[in-house]
Amino acid sequence: MKHGLVVDHSTAIRKVARRILECFEFEIVETGDTTDGLKSCRREMPDLILVDLHMPDAIEFIAAVRRMLKGRIPKVVSCSMCAEHDRQLGGESPLPSLMVAKG
């Protein structure tokens, strides 16, 4: 089974993301902050990470995940309502597989 991680401060967003990703046969771990997200990645690196770039330390979280991977890069998706801001961050992302979901 594929593993996914949803990192978002909003319980509602995490719940919706979980339901969608489970339809694609992902086993999901949810966290409400980037600190817990990194702890989860240390336990088991997911195949996909869904992260809200507006969370504190989100870009640093992505950079830390990249350092942990040593070659293997999961898909990382930003979930946010500010498409222009996300596009700008996505263009400068430390993680080359960053995809931005426009809200």
N, C-alpha and C. Protein backbone atom coordinates (compact mmCIF):
# COMPACT_ATOMS: atom_id res chain seq x y z
N MET A 1 0.84 -1.18 0.00
CA MET A 1 0.00 0.00 0.00
C MET A 1 0.88 1.24 0.00
N LYS A 2 0.42 2.30 -0.66
CA LYS A 2 1.13 3.58 -0.68
C LYS A 2 0.84 4.33 0.61
N HIS A 3 1.84 5.07 1.06
CA HIS A 3 1.71 5.84 2.30
C HIS A 3 1.70 7.33 1.99
N GLY A 4 0.80 8.06 2.66
CA GLY A 4 0.71 9.50 2.47
C GLY A 4 0.71 10.20 3.81
N LEU A 5 1.19 11.44 3.80
CA LEU A 5 1.22 12.28 4.99
C LEU A 5 0.51 13.59 4.65
N VAL A 6 -0.46 13.97 5.49
CA VAL A 6 -1.18 15.23 5.33
C VAL A 6 -0.79 16.12 6.50
N VAL A 7 -0.17 17.28 6.19
CA VAL A 7 0.27 18.23 7.21
C VAL A 7 -0.51 19.53 7.00
N ASP A 8 -1.45 19.78 7.87
CA ASP A 8 -2.29 20.97 7.76
C ASP A 8 -2.86 21.29 9.13
N HIS A 9 -2.93 22.57 9.47
CA HIS A 9 -3.48 22.97 10.77
C HIS A 9 -4.99 22.78 10.85
N SER A 10 -5.64 22.67 9.71
CA SER A 10 -7.10 22.53 9.66
C SER A 10 -7.53 21.07 9.72
N THR A 11 -8.27 20.74 10.75
CA THR A 11 -8.80 19.37 10.87
C THR A 11 -9.70 19.03 9.69
N ALA A 12 -10.50 19.99 9.26
CA ALA A 12 -11.42 19.75 8.14
C ALA A 12 -10.66 19.44 6.85
N ILE A 13 -9.60 20.19 6.57
CA ILE A 13 -8.79 19.95 5.37
C ILE A 13 -8.14 18.58 5.45
N ARG A 14 -7.60 18.24 6.61
CA ARG A 14 -6.97 16.92 6.77
C ARG A 14 -7.98 15.81 6.53
N LYS A 15 -9.20 15.97 7.05
CA LYS A 15 -10.24 14.94 6.89
C LYS A 15 -10.61 14.76 5.42
N VAL A 16 -10.79 15.87 4.71
CA VAL A 16 -11.14 15.79 3.28
C VAL A 16 -9.99 15.17 2.49
N ALA A 17 -8.77 15.62 2.77
CA ALA A 17 -7.60 15.08 2.06
C ALA A 17 -7.47 13.58 2.30
N ARG A 18 -7.68 13.17 3.54
CA ARG A 18 -7.61 11.74 3.87
C ARG A 18 -8.60 10.94 3.03
N ARG A 19 -9.84 11.40 3.00
CA ARG A 19 -10.87 10.67 2.25
C ARG A 19 -10.54 10.57 0.77
N ILE A 20 -10.04 11.66 0.21
CA ILE A 20 -9.68 11.64 -1.21
C ILE A 20 -8.52 10.68 -1.47
N LEU A 21 -7.48 10.79 -0.66
CA LEU A 21 -6.30 9.95 -0.88
C LEU A 21 -6.57 8.47 -0.60
N GLU A 22 -7.45 8.19 0.35
CA GLU A 22 -7.82 6.79 0.61
C GLU A 22 -8.53 6.18 -0.59
N CYS A 23 -9.22 6.99 -1.36
CA CYS A 23 -9.84 6.49 -2.60
C CYS A 23 -8.80 6.01 -3.60
N PHE A 24 -7.58 6.54 -3.48
CA PHE A 24 -6.48 6.14 -4.35
C PHE A 24 -5.57 5.12 -3.66
N GLU A 25 -6.10 4.47 -2.65
CA GLU A 25 -5.45 3.39 -1.92
C GLU A 25 -4.19 3.84 -1.17
N PHE A 26 -4.23 5.05 -0.62
CA PHE A 26 -3.16 5.52 0.25
C PHE A 26 -3.54 5.25 1.69
N GLU A 27 -2.57 4.82 2.47
CA GLU A 27 -2.72 4.76 3.92
C GLU A 27 -2.21 6.11 4.43
N ILE A 28 -3.04 6.83 5.19
CA ILE A 28 -2.75 8.22 5.52
C ILE A 28 -2.40 8.41 6.99
N VAL A 29 -1.40 9.26 7.22
CA VAL A 29 -1.08 9.78 8.53
C VAL A 29 -1.36 11.27 8.47
N GLU A 30 -2.02 11.81 9.49
CA GLU A 30 -2.34 13.23 9.55
C GLU A 30 -1.55 13.88 10.68
N THR A 31 -1.09 15.11 10.45
CA THR A 31 -0.49 15.90 11.52
C THR A 31 -0.97 17.33 11.38
N GLY A 32 -1.03 18.02 12.51
CA GLY A 32 -1.50 19.40 12.51
C GLY A 32 -0.38 20.43 12.49
N ASP A 33 0.88 19.95 12.48
CA ASP A 33 1.99 20.90 12.42
C ASP A 33 3.21 20.23 11.79
N THR A 34 4.18 21.06 11.42
CA THR A 34 5.36 20.54 10.72
C THR A 34 6.28 19.74 11.63
N THR A 35 6.30 20.04 12.92
CA THR A 35 7.13 19.28 13.85
C THR A 35 6.68 17.82 13.89
N ASP A 36 5.38 17.61 14.04
CA ASP A 36 4.86 16.24 14.02
C ASP A 36 5.02 15.61 12.65
N GLY A 37 4.93 16.42 11.60
CA GLY A 37 5.15 15.92 10.24
C GLY A 37 6.55 15.35 10.07
N LEU A 38 7.55 16.05 10.59
CA LEU A 38 8.93 15.55 10.51
C LEU A 38 9.11 14.28 11.33
N LYS A 39 8.48 14.22 12.49
CA LYS A 39 8.56 13.01 13.31
C LYS A 39 7.98 11.83 12.54
N SER A 40 6.87 12.06 11.88
CA SER A 40 6.24 11.00 11.09
C SER A 40 7.16 10.55 9.95
N CYS A 41 7.80 11.51 9.29
CA CYS A 41 8.72 11.16 8.19
C CYS A 41 9.92 10.36 8.69
N ARG A 42 10.35 10.65 9.90
CA ARG A 42 11.49 9.91 10.47
C ARG A 42 11.09 8.45 10.76
N ARG A 43 9.83 8.26 11.16
CA ARG A 43 9.36 6.90 11.42
C ARG A 43 9.21 6.12 10.12
N GLU A 44 8.58 6.75 9.13
CA GLU A 44 8.38 6.11 7.82
C GLU A 44 8.17 7.20 6.78
N MET A 45 9.06 7.25 5.79
CA MET A 45 8.95 8.27 4.75
C MET A 45 7.78 7.94 3.84
N PRO A 46 6.83 8.87 3.71
CA PRO A 46 5.66 8.61 2.87
C PRO A 46 5.98 8.70 1.38
N ASP A 47 5.09 8.16 0.58
CA ASP A 47 5.21 8.24 -0.88
C ASP A 47 4.69 9.59 -1.39
N LEU A 48 3.83 10.22 -0.58
CA LEU A 48 3.24 11.51 -0.96
C LEU A 48 3.06 12.34 0.29
N ILE A 49 3.37 13.64 0.19
CA ILE A 49 3.16 14.55 1.30
C ILE A 49 2.27 15.69 0.81
N LEU A 50 1.20 15.94 1.54
CA LEU A 50 0.30 17.06 1.26
C LEU A 50 0.50 18.06 2.38
N VAL A 51 0.99 19.27 2.06
CA VAL A 51 1.33 20.24 3.10
C VAL A 51 0.80 21.62 2.74
N ASP A 52 0.32 22.31 3.76
CA ASP A 52 -0.16 23.68 3.61
C ASP A 52 1.04 24.61 3.73
N LEU A 53 1.39 25.30 2.65
CA LEU A 53 2.56 26.18 2.66
C LEU A 53 2.38 27.41 3.53
N HIS A 54 1.17 27.68 3.98
CA HIS A 54 0.94 28.83 4.85
C HIS A 54 1.16 28.50 6.32
N MET A 55 1.47 27.26 6.61
CA MET A 55 1.78 26.89 7.99
C MET A 55 3.17 27.42 8.34
N PRO A 56 3.37 27.77 9.62
CA PRO A 56 4.71 28.19 10.02
C PRO A 56 5.73 27.09 9.73
N ASP A 57 6.85 27.46 9.20
CA ASP A 57 7.95 26.54 8.91
C ASP A 57 7.67 25.53 7.81
N ALA A 58 6.67 25.76 6.97
CA ALA A 58 6.35 24.80 5.91
C ALA A 58 7.51 24.62 4.93
N ILE A 59 8.13 25.71 4.50
CA ILE A 59 9.24 25.60 3.56
C ILE A 59 10.43 24.91 4.22
N GLU A 60 10.67 25.22 5.48
CA GLU A 60 11.74 24.56 6.21
C GLU A 60 11.45 23.06 6.37
N PHE A 61 10.16 22.74 6.57
CA PHE A 61 9.74 21.34 6.65
C PHE A 61 10.09 20.61 5.35
N ILE A 62 9.77 21.22 4.22
CA ILE A 62 10.05 20.60 2.92
C ILE A 62 11.56 20.42 2.74
N ALA A 63 12.34 21.43 3.10
CA ALA A 63 13.80 21.32 2.99
C ALA A 63 14.33 20.20 3.88
N ALA A 64 13.79 20.07 5.09
CA ALA A 64 14.23 19.01 6.01
C ALA A 64 13.90 17.63 5.45
N VAL A 65 12.72 17.50 4.86
CA VAL A 65 12.33 16.22 4.24
C VAL A 65 13.31 15.87 3.13
N ARG A 66 13.65 16.85 2.33
CA ARG A 66 14.58 16.61 1.22
C ARG A 66 15.93 16.12 1.75
N ARG A 67 16.42 16.74 2.82
CA ARG A 67 17.70 16.30 3.39
C ARG A 67 17.61 14.86 3.92
N MET A 68 16.47 14.49 4.46
CA MET A 68 16.28 13.15 5.00
C MET A 68 16.24 12.08 3.92
N LEU A 69 15.82 12.45 2.72
CA LEU A 69 15.55 11.48 1.66
C LEU A 69 16.79 10.86 1.03
N LYS A 70 17.83 11.65 0.86
CA LYS A 70 19.06 11.15 0.25
C LYS A 70 18.79 10.47 -1.09
N GLY A 71 18.11 11.16 -1.98
CA GLY A 71 17.90 10.63 -3.32
C GLY A 71 16.46 10.30 -3.66
N ARG A 72 15.70 9.76 -2.74
CA ARG A 72 14.30 9.39 -3.01
C ARG A 72 13.40 10.57 -2.66
N ILE A 73 12.66 11.05 -3.61
CA ILE A 73 11.83 12.23 -3.37
C ILE A 73 10.36 11.90 -3.57
N PRO A 74 9.56 12.01 -2.49
CA PRO A 74 8.12 11.80 -2.66
C PRO A 74 7.50 13.02 -3.32
N LYS A 75 6.31 12.86 -3.81
CA LYS A 75 5.57 14.00 -4.34
C LYS A 75 5.08 14.83 -3.18
N VAL A 76 5.22 16.14 -3.29
CA VAL A 76 4.78 17.06 -2.26
C VAL A 76 3.80 18.03 -2.90
N VAL A 77 2.64 18.17 -2.29
CA VAL A 77 1.61 19.04 -2.82
C VAL A 77 1.27 20.09 -1.78
N SER A 78 1.15 21.32 -2.23
CA SER A 78 0.73 22.41 -1.34
C SER A 78 -0.78 22.48 -1.38
N CYS A 79 -1.41 22.56 -0.22
CA CYS A 79 -2.84 22.81 -0.20
C CYS A 79 -3.05 24.18 0.40
N SER A 80 -3.57 25.09 -0.39
CA SER A 80 -3.69 26.46 0.06
C SER A 80 -4.71 27.20 -0.78
N MET A 81 -5.22 28.28 -0.24
CA MET A 81 -6.20 29.08 -0.96
C MET A 81 -5.56 30.25 -1.71
N CYS A 82 -4.28 30.51 -1.51
CA CYS A 82 -3.61 31.64 -2.17
C CYS A 82 -2.75 31.12 -3.30
N ALA A 83 -3.35 30.93 -4.45
CA ALA A 83 -2.67 30.32 -5.59
C ALA A 83 -1.44 31.10 -6.03
N GLU A 84 -1.51 32.42 -6.10
CA GLU A 84 -0.37 33.21 -6.56
C GLU A 84 0.80 33.10 -5.58
N HIS A 85 0.51 33.19 -4.29
CA HIS A 85 1.56 33.05 -3.29
C HIS A 85 2.21 31.68 -3.38
N ASP A 86 1.39 30.64 -3.53
CA ASP A 86 1.91 29.28 -3.64
C ASP A 86 2.75 29.10 -4.89
N ARG A 87 2.30 29.70 -5.99
CA ARG A 87 3.05 29.57 -7.24
C ARG A 87 4.44 30.16 -7.05
N GLN A 88 4.51 31.30 -6.39
CA GLN A 88 5.80 31.92 -6.14
C GLN A 88 6.66 31.05 -5.25
N LEU A 89 6.11 30.50 -4.18
CA LEU A 89 6.87 29.62 -3.31
C LEU A 89 7.27 28.34 -4.03
N GLY A 90 6.36 27.80 -4.84
CA GLY A 90 6.65 26.58 -5.58
C GLY A 90 7.81 26.76 -6.53
N GLY A 91 7.91 27.93 -7.13
CA GLY A 91 9.00 28.21 -8.05
C GLY A 91 10.34 28.28 -7.35
N GLU A 92 10.35 28.58 -6.05
CA GLU A 92 11.59 28.70 -5.29
C GLU A 92 11.77 27.53 -4.33
N SER A 93 10.95 26.53 -4.47
CA SER A 93 10.93 25.44 -3.50
C SER A 93 12.26 24.69 -3.42
N PRO A 94 12.66 24.31 -2.22
CA PRO A 94 13.84 23.48 -2.07
C PRO A 94 13.59 22.03 -2.46
N LEU A 95 12.36 21.70 -2.76
CA LEU A 95 12.02 20.34 -3.15
C LEU A 95 11.50 20.35 -4.58
N PRO A 96 12.26 19.82 -5.53
CA PRO A 96 11.89 19.96 -6.94
C PRO A 96 10.59 19.29 -7.34
N SER A 97 10.06 18.37 -6.57
CA SER A 97 8.81 17.73 -6.97
C SER A 97 7.60 18.42 -6.37
N LEU A 98 7.77 19.66 -5.91
CA LEU A 98 6.64 20.39 -5.33
C LEU A 98 5.61 20.69 -6.40
N MET A 99 4.37 20.30 -6.13
CA MET A 99 3.25 20.62 -7.01
C MET A 99 2.31 21.50 -6.21
N VAL A 100 1.75 22.47 -6.85
CA VAL A 100 0.88 23.41 -6.15
C VAL A 100 -0.57 23.20 -6.58
N ALA A 101 -1.43 22.93 -5.60
CA ALA A 101 -2.86 22.80 -5.85
C ALA A 101 -3.47 24.18 -5.72
N LYS A 102 -3.97 24.71 -6.80
CA LYS A 102 -4.51 26.07 -6.76
C LYS A 102 -5.90 26.06 -6.18
N GLY A 103 -6.10 26.94 -5.16
CA GLY A 103 -7.36 26.99 -4.44
C GLY A 103 -8.34 27.93 -5.06
